[in-house]
């Protein structure tokens, strides 16, 4: 049975890489991925015209009106989490903007240098995927960020990444996922010393970091990602940057905690917008489907439907 699964997974990988057919992707989705398609979140990101100051406060009117994600759920089970986490997305001609509201009674952080391993902290994370590559971003309550750019092995030569200064072999390390190591596309190559040009981040803490003799309310995060710096995600399928009306990008929004809710709760410590069903954020097929609208942010906030 194990050999049969490996044969099928290899067959799907060949279909995806050589044909790129929609039906091949559907085969892969139905047979290999731990996240059912009917659970994948769908969200509309609206365009903004008013300036957004990246200070972490989320006090611009747009953040009070933009659709807010449902409360994050456990990455494995989809169960309710002990504290709330919500995300929002808007955009303009220059940047993609992402914001998080994180409830946390005892805010902790320890890492302070860029690309420190803050996945050992309490953090929130954001992934955005193109057809053949994806970008990983993490941030803690000290506003310390961690970034990686991944290219799928089957696209490294075909997609024109080979030979570019940013993707010299010496700068890349092989990566095969975390818990989901049998992805139909195989492995990928990661630049673990990435720094997205023009990236802006800010954190605002409602409380005191690493001081547990009081009770905190939580923290908020604000991120601006320049479209021009996401060019390598759009490269192989010529996606327009900024996006056009109706364009769709796959994005993942998550939160990871060093603590867990006490038993009998089954808290994995990983909380997400869309359940992955396995301990792994590196599955673009599990990412939320974010469609872009050139309409302005609605006057009244609406909550996106979680499907």
C-alpha atoms as a PDB file:
ATOM      1  CA  UNK A   1       0.000   0.000   0.000  1.00  0.00           C
ATOM      2  CA  UNK A   2       2.859   2.354   0.882  1.00  0.00           C
ATOM      3  CA  UNK A   3       4.487   1.651  -2.504  1.00  0.00           C
ATOM      4  CA  UNK A   4       1.184   2.255  -4.275  1.00  0.00           C
ATOM      5  CA  UNK A   5       0.786   5.640  -2.553  1.00  0.00           C
ATOM      6  CA  UNK A   6       4.331   6.624  -3.517  1.00  0.00           C
ATOM      7  CA  UNK A   7       3.628   5.627  -7.119  1.00  0.00           C
ATOM      8  CA  UNK A   8       0.424   7.689  -7.173  1.00  0.00           C
ATOM      9  CA  UNK A   9       2.102  10.687  -5.567  1.00  0.00           C
ATOM     10  CA  UNK A  10       4.872  10.530  -8.140  1.00  0.00           C
ATOM     11  CA  UNK A  11       2.348  10.305 -10.962  1.00  0.00           C
ATOM     12  CA  UNK A  12       0.503  13.377  -9.659  1.00  0.00           C
ATOM     13  CA  UNK A  13       3.781  15.275  -9.359  1.00  0.00           C
ATOM     14  CA  UNK A  14       4.604  14.521 -12.997  1.00  0.00           C
ATOM     15  CA  UNK A  15       1.155  15.671 -14.061  1.00  0.00           C
ATOM     16  CA  UNK A  16       1.450  18.942 -12.183  1.00  0.00           C
ATOM     17  CA  UNK A  17       4.993  19.786 -13.277  1.00  0.00           C
ATOM     18  CA  UNK A  18       4.714  18.744 -16.916  1.00  0.00           C
ATOM     19  CA  UNK A  19       1.117  19.512 -17.810  1.00  0.00           C
ATOM     20  CA  UNK A  20       0.067  22.133 -15.293  1.00  0.00           C
ATOM     21  CA  UNK A  21      -3.532  21.086 -15.901  1.00  0.00           C
ATOM     22  CA  UNK A  22      -6.324  22.161 -13.606  1.00  0.00           C
ATOM     23  CA  UNK A  23      -7.631  18.613 -13.447  1.00  0.00           C
ATOM     24  CA  UNK A  24      -4.189  17.355 -12.340  1.00  0.00           C
ATOM     25  CA  UNK A  25      -4.223  19.837  -9.485  1.00  0.00           C
ATOM     26  CA  UNK A  26      -7.691  18.618  -8.542  1.00  0.00           C
ATOM     27  CA  UNK A  27      -6.423  15.040  -8.470  1.00  0.00           C
ATOM     28  CA  UNK A  28      -3.617  16.112  -6.153  1.00  0.00           C
ATOM     29  CA  UNK A  29      -6.017  18.053  -3.945  1.00  0.00           C
ATOM     30  CA  UNK A  30      -8.430  15.167  -3.557  1.00  0.00           C
ATOM     31  CA  UNK A  31      -5.861  12.418  -3.003  1.00  0.00           C
ATOM     32  CA  UNK A  32      -2.871  13.910  -1.238  1.00  0.00           C
ATOM     33  CA  UNK A  33      -3.538  17.072   0.756  1.00  0.00           C
ATOM     34  CA  UNK A  34      -4.693  17.048   4.391  1.00  0.00           C
ATOM     35  CA  UNK A  35      -6.863  20.171   3.982  1.00  0.00           C
ATOM     36  CA  UNK A  36     -10.173  19.579   2.159  1.00  0.00           C
ATOM     37  CA  UNK A  37     -10.925  22.196  -0.494  1.00  0.00           C
ATOM     38  CA  UNK A  38     -14.304  22.957   1.066  1.00  0.00           C
ATOM     39  CA  UNK A  39     -12.541  24.160   4.239  1.00  0.00           C
ATOM     40  CA  UNK A  40     -10.248  26.637   2.496  1.00  0.00           C
ATOM     41  CA  UNK A  41     -11.072  30.202   3.525  1.00  0.00           C
ATOM     42  CA  UNK A  42     -12.035  32.790   0.909  1.00  0.00           C
ATOM     43  CA  UNK A  43     -11.481  36.486   1.449  1.00  0.00           C
ATOM     44  CA  UNK A  44     -11.784  39.708  -0.534  1.00  0.00           C
ATOM     45  CA  UNK A  45      -8.998  42.267  -0.162  1.00  0.00           C
ATOM     46  CA  UNK A  46     -10.236  45.768  -0.988  1.00  0.00           C
ATOM     47  CA  UNK A  47      -8.212  48.679  -2.301  1.00  0.00           C
ATOM     48  CA  UNK A  48      -7.394  51.703  -0.155  1.00  0.00           C
ATOM     49  CA  UNK A  49      -6.589  55.232  -1.221  1.00  0.00           C
ATOM     50  CA  UNK A  50      -5.918  56.828   2.166  1.00  0.00           C
ATOM     51  CA  UNK A  51      -2.350  56.508   3.480  1.00  0.00           C
ATOM     52  CA  UNK A  52      -1.544  53.806   6.023  1.00  0.00           C
ATOM     53  CA  UNK A  53       1.175  54.549   8.547  1.00  0.00           C
ATOM     54  CA  UNK A  54       2.982  51.394   9.577  1.00  0.00           C
ATOM     55  CA  UNK A  55       3.123  51.883  13.339  1.00  0.00           C
ATOM     56  CA  UNK A  56       1.325  48.778  14.572  1.00  0.00           C
ATOM     57  CA  UNK A  57      -1.535  50.736  16.128  1.00  0.00           C
ATOM     58  CA  UNK A  58      -4.239  49.855  13.559  1.00  0.00           C
ATOM     59  CA  UNK A  59      -5.950  53.154  14.305  1.00  0.00           C
ATOM     60  CA  UNK A  60      -6.590  54.108  10.668  1.00  0.00           C
ATOM     61  CA  UNK A  61     -10.275  53.977   9.758  1.00  0.00           C
ATOM     62  CA  UNK A  62      -9.572  51.345   7.116  1.00  0.00           C
ATOM     63  CA  UNK A  63      -8.678  48.754   9.771  1.00  0.00           C
ATOM     64  CA  UNK A  64     -12.012  49.276  11.510  1.00  0.00           C
ATOM     65  CA  UNK A  65     -13.865  48.635   8.229  1.00  0.00           C
ATOM     66  CA  UNK A  66     -11.816  45.987   6.425  1.00  0.00           C
ATOM     67  CA  UNK A  67     -13.266  42.471   6.599  1.00  0.00           C
ATOM     68  CA  UNK A  68     -11.761  40.626   9.521  1.00  0.00           C
ATOM     69  CA  UNK A  69     -10.958  36.941   9.433  1.00  0.00           C
ATOM     70  CA  UNK A  70     -12.848  34.546  11.650  1.00  0.00           C
ATOM     71  CA  UNK A  71     -11.159  33.668  14.923  1.00  0.00           C
ATOM     72  CA  UNK A  72      -8.149  31.448  14.194  1.00  0.00           C
ATOM     73  CA  UNK A  73      -8.636  27.725  14.843  1.00  0.00           C
ATOM     74  CA  UNK A  74      -6.281  24.913  15.825  1.00  0.00           C
ATOM     75  CA  UNK A  75      -4.026  23.952  12.906  1.00  0.00           C
ATOM     76  CA  UNK A  76      -4.635  20.217  13.392  1.00  0.00           C
ATOM     77  CA  UNK A  77      -8.242  19.893  14.537  1.00  0.00           C
ATOM     78  CA  UNK A  78      -9.958  23.127  13.554  1.00  0.00           C
ATOM     79  CA  UNK A  79     -11.171  23.468  17.163  1.00  0.00           C
ATOM     80  CA  UNK A  80     -11.735  26.764  18.947  1.00  0.00           C
ATOM     81  CA  UNK A  81      -8.636  28.319  20.515  1.00  0.00           C
ATOM     82  CA  UNK A  82      -8.241  29.692  24.025  1.00  0.00           C
ATOM     83  CA  UNK A  83      -7.366  33.229  22.828  1.00  0.00           C
ATOM     84  CA  UNK A  84      -8.572  35.098  19.760  1.00  0.00           C
ATOM     85  CA  UNK A  85      -6.480  35.964  16.723  1.00  0.00           C
ATOM     86  CA  UNK A  86      -7.765  37.787  13.644  1.00  0.00           C
ATOM     87  CA  UNK A  87      -6.156  39.001  10.420  1.00  0.00           C
ATOM     88  CA  UNK A  88      -7.044  41.555   7.738  1.00  0.00           C
ATOM     89  CA  UNK A  89      -5.715  42.367   4.268  1.00  0.00           C
ATOM     90  CA  UNK A  90      -5.975  45.526   2.132  1.00  0.00           C
ATOM     91  CA  UNK A  91      -3.857  46.917  -0.678  1.00  0.00           C
ATOM     92  CA  UNK A  92      -2.981  49.905  -2.824  1.00  0.00           C
ATOM     93  CA  UNK A  93      -0.920  50.429  -5.954  1.00  0.00           C
ATOM     94  CA  UNK A  94       2.312  50.284  -3.965  1.00  0.00           C
ATOM     95  CA  UNK A  95       1.873  47.784  -1.149  1.00  0.00           C
ATOM     96  CA  UNK A  96       0.059  44.768   0.176  1.00  0.00           C
ATOM     97  CA  UNK A  97      -0.980  45.454   3.789  1.00  0.00           C
ATOM     98  CA  UNK A  98      -1.555  42.754   6.408  1.00  0.00           C
ATOM     99  CA  UNK A  99      -2.677  43.293   9.997  1.00  0.00           C
ATOM    100  CA  UNK A 100      -3.164  41.018  13.003  1.00  0.00           C
ATOM    101  CA  UNK A 101      -4.996  41.441  16.288  1.00  0.00           C
ATOM    102  CA  UNK A 102      -3.628  39.015  18.886  1.00  0.00           C
ATOM    103  CA  UNK A 103      -5.217  38.419  22.281  1.00  0.00           C
ATOM    104  CA  UNK A 104      -2.525  37.363  24.753  1.00  0.00           C
ATOM    105  CA  UNK A 105      -2.677  37.845  28.543  1.00  0.00           C
ATOM    106  CA  UNK A 106       1.083  37.351  29.068  1.00  0.00           C
ATOM    107  CA  UNK A 107       3.013  38.712  26.108  1.00  0.00           C
ATOM    108  CA  UNK A 108       6.436  37.090  25.754  1.00  0.00           C
ATOM    109  CA  UNK A 109       9.336  37.485  23.296  1.00  0.00           C
ATOM    110  CA  UNK A 110      13.073  36.905  23.396  1.00  0.00           C
ATOM    111  CA  UNK A 111      14.636  37.138  19.923  1.00  0.00           C
ATOM    112  CA  UNK A 112      15.794  40.579  18.765  1.00  0.00           C
ATOM    113  CA  UNK A 113      17.864  40.114  15.577  1.00  0.00           C
ATOM    114  CA  UNK A 114      16.515  39.809  12.048  1.00  0.00           C
ATOM    115  CA  UNK A 115      16.166  36.162  10.996  1.00  0.00           C
ATOM    116  CA  UNK A 116      16.637  34.891  14.531  1.00  0.00           C
ATOM    117  CA  UNK A 117      14.624  31.647  14.978  1.00  0.00           C
ATOM    118  CA  UNK A 118      11.535  33.386  16.303  1.00  0.00           C
ATOM    119  CA  UNK A 119       9.455  30.289  15.571  1.00  0.00           C
ATOM    120  CA  UNK A 120      10.669  29.359  19.073  1.00  0.00           C
ATOM    121  CA  UNK A 121       8.863  32.478  20.370  1.00  0.00           C
ATOM    122  CA  UNK A 122       5.181  33.275  20.443  1.00  0.00           C
ATOM    123  CA  UNK A 123       4.761  34.684  16.941  1.00  0.00           C
ATOM    124  CA  UNK A 124       2.376  35.324  14.065  1.00  0.00           C
ATOM    125  CA  UNK A 125       3.228  34.269  10.538  1.00  0.00           C
ATOM    126  CA  UNK A 126       2.262  35.179   6.985  1.00  0.00           C
ATOM    127  CA  UNK A 127       2.916  33.231   3.785  1.00  0.00           C
ATOM    128  CA  UNK A 128       2.148  34.283   0.214  1.00  0.00           C
ATOM    129  CA  UNK A 129       2.507  31.892  -2.722  1.00  0.00           C
ATOM    130  CA  UNK A 130       2.934  32.309  -6.442  1.00  0.00           C
ATOM    131  CA  UNK A 131       2.744  29.367  -8.810  1.00  0.00           C
ATOM    132  CA  UNK A 132       6.351  28.223  -8.351  1.00  0.00           C
ATOM    133  CA  UNK A 133       7.600  29.980  -5.223  1.00  0.00           C
ATOM    134  CA  UNK A 134       6.423  31.300  -1.888  1.00  0.00           C
ATOM    135  CA  UNK A 135       7.541  33.743   0.796  1.00  0.00           C
ATOM    136  CA  UNK A 136       7.451  33.124   4.541  1.00  0.00           C
ATOM    137  CA  UNK A 137       7.303  35.936   7.101  1.00  0.00           C
ATOM    138  CA  UNK A 138       7.236  35.655  10.898  1.00  0.00           C
ATOM    139  CA  UNK A 139       7.212  38.326  13.595  1.00  0.00           C
ATOM    140  CA  UNK A 140       7.284  38.428  17.400  1.00  0.00           C
ATOM    141  CA  UNK A 141       6.229  41.041  19.960  1.00  0.00           C
ATOM    142  CA  UNK A 142       9.653  42.717  19.780  1.00  0.00           C
ATOM    143  CA  UNK A 143       9.005  43.432  16.068  1.00  0.00           C
ATOM    144  CA  UNK A 144      11.743  40.952  15.170  1.00  0.00           C
ATOM    145  CA  UNK A 145      11.100  39.349  11.794  1.00  0.00           C
ATOM    146  CA  UNK A 146      12.181  36.146  10.115  1.00  0.00           C
ATOM    147  CA  UNK A 147      11.991  35.713   6.329  1.00  0.00           C
ATOM    148  CA  UNK A 148      12.567  32.891   3.864  1.00  0.00           C
ATOM    149  CA  UNK A 149      11.986  32.657   0.116  1.00  0.00           C
ATOM    150  CA  UNK A 150      11.261  29.173  -1.272  1.00  0.00           C
ATOM    151  CA  UNK A 151      11.392  27.914  -4.864  1.00  0.00           C
ATOM    152  CA  UNK A 152      10.010  24.495  -5.792  1.00  0.00           C
ATOM    153  CA  UNK A 153      12.720  22.156  -7.075  1.00  0.00           C
ATOM    154  CA  UNK A 154      10.819  21.432 -10.288  1.00  0.00           C
ATOM    155  CA  UNK A 155      10.680  25.175 -11.080  1.00  0.00           C
ATOM    156  CA  UNK A 156      14.242  26.194 -10.241  1.00  0.00           C
ATOM    157  CA  UNK A 157      15.577  25.673 -13.765  1.00  0.00           C
ATOM    158  CA  UNK A 158      12.309  25.830 -15.711  1.00  0.00           C
ATOM    159  CA  UNK A 159      11.216  29.066 -14.013  1.00  0.00           C
ATOM    160  CA  UNK A 160      14.437  30.927 -14.669  1.00  0.00           C
ATOM    161  CA  UNK A 161      15.591  31.191 -11.047  1.00  0.00           C
ATOM    162  CA  UNK A 162      18.864  29.420 -11.751  1.00  0.00           C
ATOM    163  CA  UNK A 163      21.637  31.933 -12.400  1.00  0.00           C
ATOM    164  CA  UNK A 164      19.999  34.884 -10.658  1.00  0.00           C
ATOM    165  CA  UNK A 165      22.114  36.429  -7.873  1.00  0.00           C
ATOM    166  CA  UNK A 166      19.329  35.998  -5.303  1.00  0.00           C
ATOM    167  CA  UNK A 167      19.066  32.301  -6.077  1.00  0.00           C
ATOM    168  CA  UNK A 168      22.644  31.121  -6.441  1.00  0.00           C
ATOM    169  CA  UNK A 169      22.924  27.508  -5.349  1.00  0.00           C
ATOM    170  CA  UNK A 170      25.356  28.476  -2.599  1.00  0.00           C
ATOM    171  CA  UNK A 171      22.660  30.672  -1.014  1.00  0.00           C
ATOM    172  CA  UNK A 172      19.977  27.979  -1.013  1.00  0.00           C
ATOM    173  CA  UNK A 173      19.280  25.043   1.268  1.00  0.00           C
ATOM    174  CA  UNK A 174      17.050  22.042   0.502  1.00  0.00           C
ATOM    175  CA  UNK A 175      13.742  21.901   2.333  1.00  0.00           C
ATOM    176  CA  UNK A 176      11.125  19.164   2.294  1.00  0.00           C
ATOM    177  CA  UNK A 177       8.401  20.490   4.546  1.00  0.00           C
ATOM    178  CA  UNK A 178       7.830  20.058   8.279  1.00  0.00           C
ATOM    179  CA  UNK A 179       5.129  17.465   8.933  1.00  0.00           C
ATOM    180  CA  UNK A 180       3.949  17.015   5.339  1.00  0.00           C
ATOM    181  CA  UNK A 181       7.024  15.575   3.659  1.00  0.00           C
ATOM    182  CA  UNK A 182       5.307  13.819   0.751  1.00  0.00           C
ATOM    183  CA  UNK A 183       4.105  16.862  -1.163  1.00  0.00           C
ATOM    184  CA  UNK A 184       3.293  15.851  -4.773  1.00  0.00           C
ATOM    185  CA  UNK A 185       5.691  18.515  -6.060  1.00  0.00           C
ATOM    186  CA  UNK A 186       8.533  17.149  -3.992  1.00  0.00           C
ATOM    187  CA  UNK A 187      10.977  19.416  -2.199  1.00  0.00           C
ATOM    188  CA  UNK A 188      11.985  23.026  -2.522  1.00  0.00           C
ATOM    189  CA  UNK A 189      15.023  25.270  -2.166  1.00  0.00           C
ATOM    190  CA  UNK A 190      15.033  28.011   0.452  1.00  0.00           C
ATOM    191  CA  UNK A 191      16.998  31.219   0.814  1.00  0.00           C
ATOM    192  CA  UNK A 192      17.041  31.419   4.610  1.00  0.00           C
ATOM    193  CA  UNK A 193      18.804  34.781   4.635  1.00  0.00           C
ATOM    194  CA  UNK A 194      16.071  36.663   2.771  1.00  0.00           C
ATOM    195  CA  UNK A 195      15.227  40.311   3.391  1.00  0.00           C
ATOM    196  CA  UNK A 196      12.302  41.613   1.359  1.00  0.00           C
ATOM    197  CA  UNK A 197      13.289  45.029  -0.067  1.00  0.00           C
ATOM    198  CA  UNK A 198      11.147  47.843   1.311  1.00  0.00           C
ATOM    199  CA  UNK A 199       9.355  45.679   3.878  1.00  0.00           C
ATOM    200  CA  UNK A 200       7.806  47.711   6.709  1.00  0.00           C
ATOM    201  CA  UNK A 201       6.687  46.162   9.992  1.00  0.00           C
ATOM    202  CA  UNK A 202       5.499  47.465  13.344  1.00  0.00           C
ATOM    203  CA  UNK A 203       4.126  46.007  16.561  1.00  0.00           C
ATOM    204  CA  UNK A 204       2.069  47.638  19.298  1.00  0.00           C
ATOM    205  CA  UNK A 205       1.838  45.845  22.662  1.00  0.00           C
ATOM    206  CA  UNK A 206      -1.131  46.509  24.926  1.00  0.00           C
ATOM    207  CA  UNK A 207       0.686  45.521  28.098  1.00  0.00           C
ATOM    208  CA  UNK A 208       4.268  44.753  29.119  1.00  0.00           C
ATOM    209  CA  UNK A 209       6.457  42.179  27.412  1.00  0.00           C
ATOM    210  CA  UNK A 210       7.994  39.496  29.654  1.00  0.00           C
ATOM    211  CA  UNK A 211       6.397  40.899  32.811  1.00  0.00           C
ATOM    212  CA  UNK A 212       3.980  38.360  34.234  1.00  0.00           C
ATOM    213  CA  UNK A 213       2.991  40.104  37.445  1.00  0.00           C
ATOM    214  CA  UNK A 214       0.395  42.033  35.456  1.00  0.00           C
ATOM    215  CA  UNK A 215      -2.086  40.967  32.804  1.00  0.00           C
ATOM    216  CA  UNK A 216      -1.760  42.105  29.181  1.00  0.00           C
ATOM    217  CA  UNK A 217      -4.483  42.492  26.600  1.00  0.00           C
ATOM    218  CA  UNK A 218      -2.365  41.459  23.617  1.00  0.00           C
ATOM    219  CA  UNK A 219      -0.577  42.958  20.638  1.00  0.00           C
ATOM    220  CA  UNK A 220      -1.208  44.137  17.103  1.00  0.00           C
ATOM    221  CA  UNK A 221       0.930  43.794  13.996  1.00  0.00           C
ATOM    222  CA  UNK A 222       1.021  45.880  10.830  1.00  0.00           C
ATOM    223  CA  UNK A 223       2.960  44.877   7.707  1.00  0.00           C
ATOM    224  CA  UNK A 224       3.484  46.563   4.321  1.00  0.00           C
ATOM    225  CA  UNK A 225       4.952  44.405   1.527  1.00  0.00           C
ATOM    226  CA  UNK A 226       5.880  46.314  -1.651  1.00  0.00           C
ATOM    227  CA  UNK A 227       4.439  44.732  -4.776  1.00  0.00           C
ATOM    228  CA  UNK A 228       7.671  45.306  -6.669  1.00  0.00           C
ATOM    229  CA  UNK A 229       9.504  43.199  -4.079  1.00  0.00           C
ATOM    230  CA  UNK A 230       7.153  40.266  -4.713  1.00  0.00           C
ATOM    231  CA  UNK A 231       8.204  40.094  -8.359  1.00  0.00           C
ATOM    232  CA  UNK A 232       9.785  36.630  -8.008  1.00  0.00           C
ATOM    233  CA  UNK A 233       6.445  35.206  -6.881  1.00  0.00           C
ATOM    234  CA  UNK A 234       4.779  36.566 -10.009  1.00  0.00           C
ATOM    235  CA  UNK A 235       7.624  35.756 -12.386  1.00  0.00           C
ATOM    236  CA  UNK A 236       6.743  32.366 -13.832  1.00  0.00           C
ATOM    237  CA  UNK A 237       3.077  32.960 -14.626  1.00  0.00           C
ATOM    238  CA  UNK A 238       3.362  36.698 -15.378  1.00  0.00           C
ATOM    239  CA  UNK A 239       0.944  37.798 -12.680  1.00  0.00           C
ATOM    240  CA  UNK A 240       0.306  41.538 -12.705  1.00  0.00           C
ATOM    241  CA  UNK A 241       1.740  43.537  -9.827  1.00  0.00           C
ATOM    242  CA  UNK A 242      -0.213  45.199  -8.363  1.00  0.00           C
ATOM    243  CA  UNK A 243      -3.047  42.737  -9.001  1.00  0.00           C
ATOM    244  CA  UNK A 244      -6.043  43.355 -11.216  1.00  0.00           C
ATOM    245  CA  UNK A 245      -9.713  43.101 -10.314  1.00  0.00           C
ATOM    246  CA  UNK A 246     -10.557  39.494  -9.486  1.00  0.00           C
ATOM    247  CA  UNK A 247      -6.966  38.217  -9.311  1.00  0.00           C
ATOM    248  CA  UNK A 248      -6.442  35.549  -6.664  1.00  0.00           C
ATOM    249  CA  UNK A 249      -3.399  34.877  -4.499  1.00  0.00           C
ATOM    250  CA  UNK A 250      -2.895  32.106  -1.948  1.00  0.00           C
ATOM    251  CA  UNK A 251      -1.957  33.348   1.526  1.00  0.00           C
ATOM    252  CA  UNK A 252      -1.567  31.736   4.919  1.00  0.00           C
ATOM    253  CA  UNK A 253      -2.113  33.404   8.276  1.00  0.00           C
ATOM    254  CA  UNK A 254      -1.061  31.679  11.479  1.00  0.00           C
ATOM    255  CA  UNK A 255      -0.021  32.037  15.099  1.00  0.00           C
ATOM    256  CA  UNK A 256       2.317  29.743  17.025  1.00  0.00           C
ATOM    257  CA  UNK A 257       2.646  29.663  20.808  1.00  0.00           C
ATOM    258  CA  UNK A 258       5.248  28.215  23.150  1.00  0.00           C
ATOM    259  CA  UNK A 259       2.430  27.489  25.618  1.00  0.00           C
ATOM    260  CA  UNK A 260      -0.588  25.227  25.189  1.00  0.00           C
ATOM    261  CA  UNK A 261      -3.973  25.146  26.842  1.00  0.00           C
ATOM    262  CA  UNK A 262      -3.975  22.527  29.597  1.00  0.00           C
ATOM    263  CA  UNK A 263      -5.598  19.108  29.078  1.00  0.00           C
ATOM    264  CA  UNK A 264      -8.232  17.930  28.454  1.00  0.00           C
ATOM    265  CA  UNK A 265      -8.068  20.578  25.742  1.00  0.00           C
ATOM    266  CA  UNK A 266      -6.261  19.340  22.638  1.00  0.00           C
ATOM    267  CA  UNK A 267      -4.310  22.527  21.904  1.00  0.00           C
ATOM    268  CA  UNK A 268      -1.447  22.014  19.457  1.00  0.00           C
ATOM    269  CA  UNK A 269      -0.101  25.527  20.040  1.00  0.00           C
ATOM    270  CA  UNK A 270      -0.531  26.290  16.322  1.00  0.00           C
ATOM    271  CA  UNK A 271      -3.532  28.393  15.327  1.00  0.00           C
ATOM    272  CA  UNK A 272      -4.530  29.313  11.767  1.00  0.00           C
ATOM    273  CA  UNK A 273      -7.188  30.943   9.637  1.00  0.00           C
ATOM    274  CA  UNK A 274      -7.640  27.732   7.591  1.00  0.00           C
ATOM    275  CA  UNK A 275      -7.064  24.329   9.232  1.00  0.00           C
ATOM    276  CA  UNK A 276      -4.159  22.399   7.697  1.00  0.00           C
ATOM    277  CA  UNK A 277      -4.821  19.042   9.306  1.00  0.00           C
ATOM    278  CA  UNK A 278      -1.087  18.508   9.851  1.00  0.00           C
ATOM    279  CA  UNK A 279       1.725  20.360  11.631  1.00  0.00           C
ATOM    280  CA  UNK A 280       3.027  22.209   8.597  1.00  0.00           C
ATOM    281  CA  UNK A 281       2.527  25.723   7.231  1.00  0.00           C
ATOM    282  CA  UNK A 282       4.369  24.988   3.985  1.00  0.00           C
ATOM    283  CA  UNK A 283       1.414  23.681   1.982  1.00  0.00           C
ATOM    284  CA  UNK A 284       0.214  26.380  -0.437  1.00  0.00           C
ATOM    285  CA  UNK A 285      -2.796  24.248  -1.342  1.00  0.00           C
ATOM    286  CA  UNK A 286      -4.021  24.836   2.248  1.00  0.00           C
ATOM    287  CA  UNK A 287      -3.601  28.620   2.076  1.00  0.00           C
ATOM    288  CA  UNK A 288      -6.614  30.937   2.061  1.00  0.00           C
ATOM    289  CA  UNK A 289      -7.809  32.116  -1.345  1.00  0.00           C
ATOM    290  CA  UNK A 290      -7.533  35.912  -1.325  1.00  0.00           C
ATOM    291  CA  UNK A 291      -9.180  37.687  -4.256  1.00  0.00           C
ATOM    292  CA  UNK A 292      -8.452  41.329  -4.995  1.00  0.00           C
ATOM    293  CA  UNK A 293     -11.037  44.004  -5.594  1.00  0.00           C
ATOM    294  CA  UNK A 294     -10.423  47.503  -6.903  1.00  0.00           C
ATOM    295  CA  UNK A 295     -13.489  48.628  -4.960  1.00  0.00           C
ATOM    296  CA  UNK A 296     -12.848  50.695  -1.831  1.00  0.00           C
ATOM    297  CA  UNK A 297     -13.023  49.140   1.613  1.00  0.00           C
ATOM    298  CA  UNK A 298     -16.721  48.941   2.594  1.00  0.00           C
ATOM    299  CA  UNK A 299     -18.161  51.589   4.887  1.00  0.00           C
ATOM    300  CA  UNK A 300     -19.254  48.859   7.306  1.00  0.00           C
ATOM    301  CA  UNK A 301     -17.133  45.872   8.257  1.00  0.00           C
ATOM    302  CA  UNK A 302     -18.280  42.479   7.047  1.00  0.00           C
ATOM    303  CA  UNK A 303     -16.972  39.100   8.202  1.00  0.00           C
ATOM    304  CA  UNK A 304     -15.779  36.840   5.368  1.00  0.00           C
ATOM    305  CA  UNK A 305     -17.452  33.475   4.981  1.00  0.00           C
ATOM    306  CA  UNK A 306     -15.264  30.599   6.057  1.00  0.00           C
ATOM    307  CA  UNK A 307     -15.885  27.745   3.633  1.00  0.00           C
END
